[in-house]
Amino acid sequence: MERAMDSRPAPGGPSAFLSVSDLTVRVGRSTVLDRVSFSAARGVTLAIVGPNGAGKTTLLRALLGRVPYTGRIEWGGPVRIGYVPQKLVDTDIPLSVAELLSLKCPGDYGASLAMVGLGPGTLDRQSGSRPGGEVQRVLIAWVTVDPPDVLLFDEPTANVGSEIRYVSEEC
């Protein structure tokens, strides 16, 4: 991410929901992000595209406040953020899918599971003992159970089959 990204709304359009100015992240002596600037309006889908090692995950972590940075990140008011990582470090989660989803909030999880191509029978399965693609689908369902204002996906179709890629790209 050497160059500044710009997704500003058109003049006269809605004001920025997210504004990032001169964002720089350094890890040791390496500069991972260098003066990145962009803005996005509410309701806009913004994709960050780049090769491995370009700083996409670091950008998401900065937006989440998980890495030190210089520059400015401003959200247009209070914001609830849902985040789906590329992968879990430990996929041996000793909870059923229903138990995992209930940690977020109680409710009916059918719509969230259906959105990612999983049926109600998934609820009784162990959440982490599934193939990688199913774990990723469960994570996506988890963030949509109690819909946030902003969804941050770090490679949302990594480890999922082509049938779910179609579903996730429509959402």
N, C-alpha and C. Protein backbone atom coordinates (compact mmCIF):
# COMPACT_ATOMS: atom_id res chain seq x y z
N MET A 1 0.83 -1.17 0.00
CA MET A 1 0.00 0.00 0.00
C MET A 1 0.88 1.24 0.00
N GLU A 2 1.60 1.38 -1.02
CA GLU A 2 2.51 2.51 -1.13
C GLU A 2 1.76 3.79 -1.44
N ARG A 3 0.69 3.70 -2.23
CA ARG A 3 -0.01 4.90 -2.66
C ARG A 3 -1.27 5.11 -1.84
N ALA A 4 -1.67 6.35 -1.76
CA ALA A 4 -2.90 6.67 -1.05
C ALA A 4 -4.09 6.15 -1.84
N MET A 5 -5.08 5.62 -1.14
CA MET A 5 -6.30 5.15 -1.78
C MET A 5 -7.35 6.22 -1.59
N ASP A 6 -8.20 6.40 -2.56
CA ASP A 6 -9.21 7.45 -2.48
C ASP A 6 -10.55 6.89 -2.94
N SER A 7 -11.50 6.82 -2.03
CA SER A 7 -12.84 6.40 -2.40
C SER A 7 -13.83 7.42 -1.88
N ARG A 8 -13.46 8.69 -1.97
CA ARG A 8 -14.32 9.75 -1.47
C ARG A 8 -15.64 9.78 -2.21
N PRO A 9 -16.71 10.13 -1.48
CA PRO A 9 -18.00 10.26 -2.15
C PRO A 9 -17.95 11.43 -3.12
N ALA A 10 -18.81 11.39 -4.11
CA ALA A 10 -18.86 12.46 -5.10
C ALA A 10 -19.23 13.77 -4.42
N PRO A 11 -18.76 14.90 -4.94
CA PRO A 11 -19.11 16.20 -4.36
C PRO A 11 -20.62 16.31 -4.22
N GLY A 12 -21.05 16.81 -3.08
CA GLY A 12 -22.47 16.95 -2.82
C GLY A 12 -23.11 15.66 -2.33
N GLY A 13 -22.34 14.57 -2.31
CA GLY A 13 -22.86 13.28 -1.86
C GLY A 13 -22.82 13.19 -0.34
N PRO A 14 -23.08 12.00 0.20
CA PRO A 14 -23.10 11.84 1.65
C PRO A 14 -21.72 12.08 2.25
N SER A 15 -21.70 12.53 3.49
CA SER A 15 -20.42 12.78 4.15
C SER A 15 -19.73 11.47 4.48
N ALA A 16 -18.45 11.55 4.73
CA ALA A 16 -17.65 10.36 4.98
C ALA A 16 -18.08 9.70 6.29
N PHE A 17 -18.25 8.39 6.23
CA PHE A 17 -18.52 7.60 7.41
C PHE A 17 -17.20 7.19 8.05
N LEU A 18 -16.19 7.02 7.19
CA LEU A 18 -14.84 6.69 7.63
C LEU A 18 -13.88 7.60 6.88
N SER A 19 -12.99 8.21 7.63
CA SER A 19 -11.98 9.07 7.01
C SER A 19 -10.62 8.69 7.59
N VAL A 20 -9.69 8.35 6.71
CA VAL A 20 -8.34 7.96 7.10
C VAL A 20 -7.38 8.93 6.43
N SER A 21 -6.50 9.54 7.22
CA SER A 21 -5.56 10.52 6.67
C SER A 21 -4.15 10.22 7.15
N ASP A 22 -3.23 10.14 6.20
CA ASP A 22 -1.80 9.99 6.48
C ASP A 22 -1.51 8.85 7.45
N LEU A 23 -2.21 7.74 7.29
CA LEU A 23 -2.03 6.58 8.17
C LEU A 23 -0.70 5.90 7.87
N THR A 24 0.14 5.82 8.88
CA THR A 24 1.44 5.15 8.76
C THR A 24 1.56 4.14 9.88
N VAL A 25 1.97 2.93 9.52
CA VAL A 25 2.21 1.87 10.51
C VAL A 25 3.62 1.35 10.27
N ARG A 26 4.38 1.33 11.35
CA ARG A 26 5.74 0.79 11.29
C ARG A 26 5.83 -0.40 12.22
N VAL A 27 6.54 -1.42 11.77
CA VAL A 27 6.82 -2.59 12.60
C VAL A 27 8.34 -2.69 12.63
N GLY A 28 8.90 -2.40 13.80
CA GLY A 28 10.36 -2.33 13.89
C GLY A 28 10.86 -1.21 13.00
N ARG A 29 11.77 -1.54 12.12
CA ARG A 29 12.31 -0.54 11.19
C ARG A 29 11.57 -0.51 9.86
N SER A 30 10.63 -1.42 9.69
CA SER A 30 9.90 -1.51 8.42
C SER A 30 8.64 -0.66 8.45
N THR A 31 8.40 0.06 7.38
CA THR A 31 7.15 0.80 7.23
C THR A 31 6.20 -0.10 6.44
N VAL A 32 5.11 -0.50 7.09
CA VAL A 32 4.14 -1.39 6.47
C VAL A 32 3.11 -0.59 5.68
N LEU A 33 2.64 0.50 6.26
CA LEU A 33 1.72 1.42 5.58
C LEU A 33 2.36 2.80 5.64
N ASP A 34 2.34 3.50 4.53
CA ASP A 34 3.01 4.80 4.45
C ASP A 34 2.05 5.87 3.94
N ARG A 35 1.54 6.69 4.84
CA ARG A 35 0.69 7.84 4.53
C ARG A 35 -0.54 7.47 3.69
N VAL A 36 -1.24 6.43 4.09
CA VAL A 36 -2.46 5.99 3.41
C VAL A 36 -3.60 6.94 3.77
N SER A 37 -4.33 7.40 2.77
CA SER A 37 -5.48 8.28 2.98
C SER A 37 -6.63 7.84 2.09
N PHE A 38 -7.82 7.79 2.66
CA PHE A 38 -9.04 7.50 1.90
C PHE A 38 -10.24 7.82 2.76
N SER A 39 -11.40 7.88 2.15
CA SER A 39 -12.63 8.04 2.90
C SER A 39 -13.69 7.18 2.24
N ALA A 40 -14.73 6.86 2.99
CA ALA A 40 -15.82 6.06 2.47
C ALA A 40 -17.12 6.55 3.09
N ALA A 41 -18.15 6.62 2.27
CA ALA A 41 -19.47 7.04 2.73
C ALA A 41 -20.21 5.86 3.33
N ARG A 42 -21.19 6.14 4.16
CA ARG A 42 -22.04 5.09 4.73
C ARG A 42 -22.72 4.33 3.59
N GLY A 43 -22.78 3.03 3.70
CA GLY A 43 -23.45 2.21 2.70
C GLY A 43 -22.57 1.81 1.52
N VAL A 44 -21.33 2.26 1.52
CA VAL A 44 -20.42 1.95 0.42
C VAL A 44 -19.66 0.67 0.71
N THR A 45 -19.45 -0.14 -0.31
CA THR A 45 -18.59 -1.30 -0.18
C THR A 45 -17.22 -0.91 -0.69
N LEU A 46 -16.23 -1.10 0.14
CA LEU A 46 -14.86 -0.72 -0.21
C LEU A 46 -14.00 -1.98 -0.15
N ALA A 47 -13.29 -2.26 -1.22
CA ALA A 47 -12.39 -3.42 -1.27
C ALA A 47 -10.96 -2.93 -1.29
N ILE A 48 -10.13 -3.54 -0.47
CA ILE A 48 -8.70 -3.26 -0.44
C ILE A 48 -8.03 -4.43 -1.16
N VAL A 49 -7.38 -4.14 -2.26
CA VAL A 49 -6.80 -5.19 -3.09
C VAL A 49 -5.30 -4.95 -3.18
N GLY A 50 -4.53 -6.02 -3.07
CA GLY A 50 -3.08 -5.91 -3.21
C GLY A 50 -2.43 -7.26 -3.02
N PRO A 51 -1.17 -7.36 -3.36
CA PRO A 51 -0.46 -8.64 -3.23
C PRO A 51 -0.20 -8.98 -1.76
N ASN A 52 0.18 -10.23 -1.52
CA ASN A 52 0.56 -10.65 -0.17
C ASN A 52 1.65 -9.71 0.34
N GLY A 53 1.52 -9.33 1.61
CA GLY A 53 2.54 -8.49 2.23
C GLY A 53 2.37 -7.00 1.96
N ALA A 54 1.28 -6.61 1.28
CA ALA A 54 1.09 -5.20 0.94
C ALA A 54 0.58 -4.37 2.12
N GLY A 55 0.06 -5.03 3.16
CA GLY A 55 -0.41 -4.31 4.33
C GLY A 55 -1.91 -4.28 4.50
N LYS A 56 -2.63 -5.13 3.78
CA LYS A 56 -4.09 -5.14 3.88
C LYS A 56 -4.56 -5.50 5.28
N THR A 57 -4.02 -6.56 5.84
CA THR A 57 -4.39 -6.98 7.20
C THR A 57 -3.96 -5.93 8.21
N THR A 58 -2.81 -5.34 8.02
CA THR A 58 -2.34 -4.28 8.93
C THR A 58 -3.30 -3.09 8.89
N LEU A 59 -3.80 -2.75 7.72
CA LEU A 59 -4.78 -1.66 7.61
C LEU A 59 -6.02 -1.99 8.43
N LEU A 60 -6.54 -3.20 8.29
CA LEU A 60 -7.72 -3.59 9.06
C LEU A 60 -7.43 -3.53 10.56
N ARG A 61 -6.27 -3.99 10.96
CA ARG A 61 -5.91 -3.96 12.39
C ARG A 61 -5.79 -2.53 12.89
N ALA A 62 -5.31 -1.63 12.06
CA ALA A 62 -5.26 -0.20 12.46
C ALA A 62 -6.68 0.34 12.61
N LEU A 63 -7.57 0.00 11.67
CA LEU A 63 -8.96 0.46 11.77
C LEU A 63 -9.63 -0.07 13.03
N LEU A 64 -9.20 -1.24 13.48
CA LEU A 64 -9.74 -1.84 14.71
C LEU A 64 -9.05 -1.30 15.96
N GLY A 65 -7.98 -0.51 15.78
CA GLY A 65 -7.24 0.00 16.93
C GLY A 65 -6.34 -1.04 17.56
N ARG A 66 -5.93 -2.05 16.79
CA ARG A 66 -5.13 -3.16 17.33
C ARG A 66 -3.64 -3.03 17.09
N VAL A 67 -3.22 -2.03 16.30
CA VAL A 67 -1.79 -1.79 16.10
C VAL A 67 -1.53 -0.30 16.26
N PRO A 68 -0.34 0.07 16.77
CA PRO A 68 -0.01 1.49 16.88
C PRO A 68 0.19 2.11 15.49
N TYR A 69 -0.25 3.34 15.33
CA TYR A 69 -0.11 4.02 14.05
C TYR A 69 0.02 5.52 14.27
N THR A 70 0.45 6.20 13.24
CA THR A 70 0.39 7.66 13.23
C THR A 70 -0.57 8.04 12.12
N GLY A 71 -1.07 9.24 12.17
CA GLY A 71 -2.07 9.69 11.21
C GLY A 71 -3.41 9.75 11.92
N ARG A 72 -4.47 9.74 11.14
CA ARG A 72 -5.80 9.93 11.72
C ARG A 72 -6.79 8.92 11.13
N ILE A 73 -7.56 8.30 12.01
CA ILE A 73 -8.69 7.44 11.62
C ILE A 73 -9.91 8.00 12.34
N GLU A 74 -10.89 8.43 11.57
CA GLU A 74 -12.10 8.99 12.16
C GLU A 74 -13.33 8.29 11.61
N TRP A 75 -14.15 7.79 12.52
CA TRP A 75 -15.42 7.19 12.16
C TRP A 75 -16.49 8.27 12.31
N GLY A 76 -17.50 8.26 11.49
CA GLY A 76 -18.57 9.25 11.53
C GLY A 76 -19.55 8.96 12.64
N GLY A 77 -19.11 9.06 13.87
CA GLY A 77 -19.95 8.79 15.04
C GLY A 77 -19.61 7.45 15.64
N PRO A 78 -20.35 7.07 16.68
CA PRO A 78 -20.12 5.77 17.31
C PRO A 78 -20.35 4.66 16.28
N VAL A 79 -19.52 3.64 16.35
CA VAL A 79 -19.61 2.57 15.36
C VAL A 79 -19.37 1.22 16.01
N ARG A 80 -20.20 0.25 15.62
CA ARG A 80 -20.01 -1.14 16.03
C ARG A 80 -19.39 -1.86 14.84
N ILE A 81 -18.25 -2.48 15.06
CA ILE A 81 -17.51 -3.11 13.98
C ILE A 81 -17.56 -4.63 14.13
N GLY A 82 -17.89 -5.30 13.05
CA GLY A 82 -17.80 -6.76 12.99
C GLY A 82 -16.57 -7.11 12.17
N TYR A 83 -15.77 -8.06 12.66
CA TYR A 83 -14.52 -8.40 12.00
C TYR A 83 -14.43 -9.90 11.80
N VAL A 84 -14.10 -10.31 10.58
CA VAL A 84 -13.87 -11.72 10.27
C VAL A 84 -12.42 -11.84 9.85
N PRO A 85 -11.60 -12.54 10.65
CA PRO A 85 -10.18 -12.71 10.31
C PRO A 85 -9.99 -13.70 9.17
N GLN A 86 -8.78 -13.71 8.63
CA GLN A 86 -8.45 -14.68 7.57
C GLN A 86 -8.60 -16.10 8.09
N LYS A 87 -8.17 -16.31 9.31
CA LYS A 87 -8.22 -17.65 9.90
C LYS A 87 -8.13 -17.50 11.40
N LEU A 88 -8.54 -18.55 12.08
CA LEU A 88 -8.36 -18.62 13.52
C LEU A 88 -7.04 -19.29 13.80
N VAL A 89 -6.35 -18.85 14.81
CA VAL A 89 -5.09 -19.48 15.17
C VAL A 89 -5.33 -20.90 15.62
N ASP A 90 -6.35 -21.10 16.44
CA ASP A 90 -6.68 -22.43 16.95
C ASP A 90 -8.10 -22.74 16.54
N THR A 91 -8.29 -23.71 15.66
CA THR A 91 -9.64 -24.04 15.22
C THR A 91 -10.27 -25.14 16.06
N ASP A 92 -9.62 -25.54 17.16
CA ASP A 92 -10.18 -26.55 18.04
C ASP A 92 -10.98 -25.85 19.14
N ILE A 93 -12.06 -25.22 18.73
CA ILE A 93 -12.92 -24.49 19.66
C ILE A 93 -13.88 -25.49 20.29
N PRO A 94 -13.87 -25.63 21.62
CA PRO A 94 -14.70 -26.66 22.26
C PRO A 94 -16.15 -26.21 22.46
N LEU A 95 -16.74 -25.60 21.45
CA LEU A 95 -18.13 -25.15 21.51
C LEU A 95 -18.86 -25.60 20.27
N SER A 96 -20.14 -25.86 20.42
CA SER A 96 -20.94 -26.13 19.24
C SER A 96 -21.15 -24.80 18.51
N VAL A 97 -21.59 -24.88 17.27
CA VAL A 97 -21.87 -23.66 16.51
C VAL A 97 -22.93 -22.84 17.25
N ALA A 98 -23.96 -23.48 17.77
CA ALA A 98 -25.01 -22.75 18.51
C ALA A 98 -24.42 -22.05 19.73
N GLU A 99 -23.54 -22.73 20.47
CA GLU A 99 -22.92 -22.11 21.65
C GLU A 99 -22.05 -20.92 21.25
N LEU A 100 -21.30 -21.07 20.16
CA LEU A 100 -20.45 -19.97 19.70
C LEU A 100 -21.30 -18.77 19.31
N LEU A 101 -22.36 -19.01 18.52
CA LEU A 101 -23.22 -17.90 18.10
C LEU A 101 -23.93 -17.26 19.28
N SER A 102 -24.28 -18.06 20.30
CA SER A 102 -24.98 -17.50 21.46
C SER A 102 -24.07 -16.61 22.31
N LEU A 103 -22.75 -16.73 22.14
CA LEU A 103 -21.85 -15.82 22.85
C LEU A 103 -22.03 -14.39 22.36
N LYS A 104 -22.43 -14.24 21.13
CA LYS A 104 -22.66 -12.93 20.53
C LYS A 104 -23.98 -12.37 21.03
N CYS A 105 -25.05 -13.14 20.87
CA CYS A 105 -26.36 -12.76 21.38
C CYS A 105 -27.30 -13.94 21.22
N PRO A 106 -28.30 -14.04 22.09
CA PRO A 106 -29.27 -15.12 21.94
C PRO A 106 -30.17 -14.82 20.75
N GLY A 107 -30.69 -15.87 20.15
CA GLY A 107 -31.62 -15.62 19.05
C GLY A 107 -31.74 -16.78 18.11
N ASP A 108 -32.40 -16.51 16.99
CA ASP A 108 -32.58 -17.50 15.93
C ASP A 108 -31.46 -17.28 14.92
N TYR A 109 -30.66 -18.29 14.70
CA TYR A 109 -29.47 -18.14 13.86
C TYR A 109 -29.68 -18.65 12.44
N GLY A 110 -30.90 -19.07 12.13
CA GLY A 110 -31.20 -19.64 10.84
C GLY A 110 -30.85 -18.74 9.67
N ALA A 111 -31.21 -17.47 9.74
CA ALA A 111 -30.95 -16.54 8.62
C ALA A 111 -29.45 -16.34 8.41
N SER A 112 -28.71 -16.21 9.50
CA SER A 112 -27.26 -16.00 9.38
C SER A 112 -26.59 -17.23 8.79
N LEU A 113 -27.03 -18.43 9.22
CA LEU A 113 -26.45 -19.66 8.67
C LEU A 113 -26.84 -19.84 7.21
N ALA A 114 -28.10 -19.55 6.88
CA ALA A 114 -28.55 -19.70 5.50
C ALA A 114 -27.79 -18.76 4.57
N MET A 115 -27.49 -17.56 5.05
CA MET A 115 -26.77 -16.59 4.22
C MET A 115 -25.41 -17.12 3.78
N VAL A 116 -24.79 -17.96 4.60
CA VAL A 116 -23.47 -18.50 4.25
C VAL A 116 -23.55 -19.95 3.78
N GLY A 117 -24.76 -20.41 3.46
CA GLY A 117 -24.93 -21.74 2.88
C GLY A 117 -24.87 -22.89 3.85
N LEU A 118 -25.17 -22.62 5.12
CA LEU A 118 -25.18 -23.69 6.13
C LEU A 118 -26.61 -23.88 6.62
N GLY A 119 -26.97 -25.12 6.92
CA GLY A 119 -28.32 -25.42 7.39
C GLY A 119 -28.40 -25.46 8.90
N PRO A 120 -29.62 -25.60 9.43
CA PRO A 120 -29.82 -25.64 10.88
C PRO A 120 -29.13 -26.82 11.55
N GLY A 121 -28.85 -27.89 10.82
CA GLY A 121 -28.13 -29.03 11.38
C GLY A 121 -26.72 -28.68 11.82
N THR A 122 -26.21 -27.58 11.32
CA THR A 122 -24.86 -27.11 11.68
C THR A 122 -24.79 -26.70 13.15
N LEU A 123 -25.89 -26.27 13.73
CA LEU A 123 -25.89 -25.73 15.09
C LEU A 123 -25.34 -26.69 16.14
N ASP A 124 -25.56 -27.99 15.96
CA ASP A 124 -25.12 -28.98 16.95
C ASP A 124 -23.68 -29.43 16.76
N ARG A 125 -23.06 -29.06 15.65
CA ARG A 125 -21.68 -29.49 15.37
C ARG A 125 -20.68 -28.64 16.15
N GLN A 126 -19.51 -29.22 16.37
CA GLN A 126 -18.43 -28.48 17.01
C GLN A 126 -17.97 -27.38 16.05
N SER A 127 -17.85 -26.15 16.53
CA SER A 127 -17.56 -25.02 15.65
C SER A 127 -16.18 -25.08 15.04
N GLY A 128 -15.19 -25.58 15.75
CA GLY A 128 -13.83 -25.56 15.24
C GLY A 128 -13.38 -26.85 14.59
N SER A 129 -14.15 -27.91 14.72
CA SER A 129 -13.71 -29.19 14.18
C SER A 129 -14.20 -29.41 12.76
N ARG A 130 -14.72 -28.40 12.14
CA ARG A 130 -15.22 -28.48 10.77
C ARG A 130 -14.08 -28.21 9.79
N PRO A 131 -14.27 -28.57 8.55
CA PRO A 131 -13.27 -28.20 7.54
C PRO A 131 -13.11 -26.68 7.50
N GLY A 132 -11.94 -26.20 7.06
CA GLY A 132 -11.62 -24.76 7.07
C GLY A 132 -12.69 -23.87 6.50
N GLY A 133 -13.30 -24.29 5.39
CA GLY A 133 -14.34 -23.49 4.77
C GLY A 133 -15.56 -23.33 5.64
N GLU A 134 -15.94 -24.39 6.35
CA GLU A 134 -17.10 -24.30 7.24
C GLU A 134 -16.79 -23.40 8.43
N VAL A 135 -15.58 -23.47 8.95
CA VAL A 135 -15.21 -22.60 10.07
C VAL A 135 -15.33 -21.14 9.62
N GLN A 136 -14.85 -20.84 8.41
CA GLN A 136 -14.93 -19.48 7.89
C GLN A 136 -16.39 -19.05 7.73
N ARG A 137 -17.23 -19.95 7.26
CA ARG A 137 -18.66 -19.63 7.12
C ARG A 137 -19.29 -19.35 8.47
N VAL A 138 -18.93 -20.16 9.49
CA VAL A 138 -19.47 -19.94 10.83
C VAL A 138 -19.03 -18.56 11.36
N LEU A 139 -17.77 -18.18 11.09
CA LEU A 139 -17.30 -16.86 11.52
C LEU A 139 -18.09 -15.74 10.85
N ILE A 140 -18.38 -15.91 9.57
CA ILE A 140 -19.17 -14.90 8.86
C ILE A 140 -20.58 -14.85 9.44
N ALA A 141 -21.18 -16.01 9.70
CA ALA A 141 -22.50 -16.03 10.33
C ALA A 141 -22.46 -15.36 11.70
N TRP A 142 -21.38 -15.57 12.44
CA TRP A 142 -21.23 -15.01 13.79
C TRP A 142 -21.31 -13.48 13.76
N VAL A 143 -20.63 -12.84 12.80
CA VAL A 143 -20.66 -11.37 12.78
C VAL A 143 -21.99 -10.83 12.31
N THR A 144 -22.79 -11.65 11.62
CA THR A 144 -24.08 -11.14 11.13
C THR A 144 -25.24 -11.43 12.07
N VAL A 145 -25.02 -12.21 13.12
CA VAL A 145 -26.09 -12.52 14.08
C VAL A 145 -26.63 -11.25 14.72
N ASP A 146 -25.77 -10.37 15.10
CA ASP A 146 -26.13 -9.08 15.68
C ASP A 146 -25.48 -8.03 14.78
N PRO A 147 -26.16 -7.64 13.70
CA PRO A 147 -25.51 -6.87 12.64
C PRO A 147 -24.79 -5.60 13.13
N PRO A 148 -23.51 -5.49 12.78
CA PRO A 148 -22.74 -4.31 13.14
C PRO A 148 -22.98 -3.18 12.12
N ASP A 149 -22.43 -2.00 12.40
CA ASP A 149 -22.51 -0.88 11.47
C ASP A 149 -21.53 -1.07 10.32
N VAL A 150 -20.40 -1.71 10.62
CA VAL A 150 -19.33 -1.90 9.65
C VAL A 150 -18.87 -3.35 9.71
N LEU A 151 -18.68 -3.96 8.55
CA LEU A 151 -18.13 -5.31 8.48
C LEU A 151 -16.75 -5.23 7.85
N LEU A 152 -15.75 -5.72 8.56
CA LEU A 152 -14.40 -5.81 8.04
C LEU A 152 -14.08 -7.28 7.81
N PHE A 153 -13.83 -7.63 6.57
CA PHE A 153 -13.49 -9.01 6.20
C PHE A 153 -12.05 -9.04 5.75
N ASP A 154 -11.25 -9.89 6.34
CA ASP A 154 -9.87 -10.09 5.92
C ASP A 154 -9.83 -11.38 5.11
N GLU A 155 -9.86 -11.26 3.80
CA GLU A 155 -9.91 -12.39 2.87
C GLU A 155 -11.09 -13.32 3.19
N PRO A 156 -12.32 -12.81 3.02
CA PRO A 156 -13.50 -13.57 3.44
C PRO A 156 -13.72 -14.87 2.69
N THR A 157 -13.15 -15.02 1.51
CA THR A 157 -13.37 -16.27 0.78
C THR A 157 -12.18 -17.21 0.86
N ALA A 158 -11.20 -16.88 1.72
CA ALA A 158 -10.06 -17.80 1.91
C ALA A 158 -10.59 -19.08 2.55
N ASN A 159 -10.14 -20.21 2.05
CA ASN A 159 -10.47 -21.52 2.60
C ASN A 159 -11.92 -21.95 2.41
N VAL A 160 -12.69 -21.23 1.60
CA VAL A 160 -14.06 -21.67 1.38
C VAL A 160 -14.19 -22.13 -0.06
N GLY A 161 -15.12 -23.02 -0.28
CA GLY A 161 -15.31 -23.56 -1.63
C GLY A 161 -15.94 -22.54 -2.55
N SER A 162 -15.95 -22.84 -3.83
CA SER A 162 -16.48 -21.92 -4.83
C SER A 162 -17.97 -21.67 -4.64
N GLU A 163 -18.71 -22.63 -4.08
CA GLU A 163 -20.14 -22.43 -3.91
C GLU A 163 -20.43 -21.32 -2.90
N ILE A 164 -19.63 -21.15 -1.88
CA ILE A 164 -19.86 -20.09 -0.90
C ILE A 164 -19.29 -18.77 -1.40
N ARG A 165 -18.30 -18.80 -2.23
CA ARG A 165 -17.76 -17.55 -2.79
C ARG A 165 -18.86 -16.79 -3.50
N TYR A 166 -19.69 -17.50 -4.25
CA TYR A 166 -20.79 -16.86 -4.96
C TYR A 166 -21.74 -16.21 -3.98
N VAL A 167 -22.11 -16.93 -2.92
CA VAL A 167 -23.03 -16.40 -1.92
C VAL A 167 -22.42 -15.19 -1.23
N SER A 168 -21.15 -15.27 -0.79
CA SER A 168 -20.55 -14.19 -0.02
C SER A 168 -20.33 -12.96 -0.88
N GLU A 169 -20.08 -13.11 -2.18
CA GLU A 169 -19.86 -11.96 -3.02
C GLU A 169 -21.16 -11.22 -3.30
N GLU A 170 -22.31 -11.88 -3.15
CA GLU A 170 -23.59 -11.22 -3.33
C GLU A 170 -23.98 -10.40 -2.12
N CYS A 171 -23.51 -10.75 -0.95
CA CYS A 171 -23.94 -10.11 0.30
C CYS A 171 -23.30 -8.78 0.53
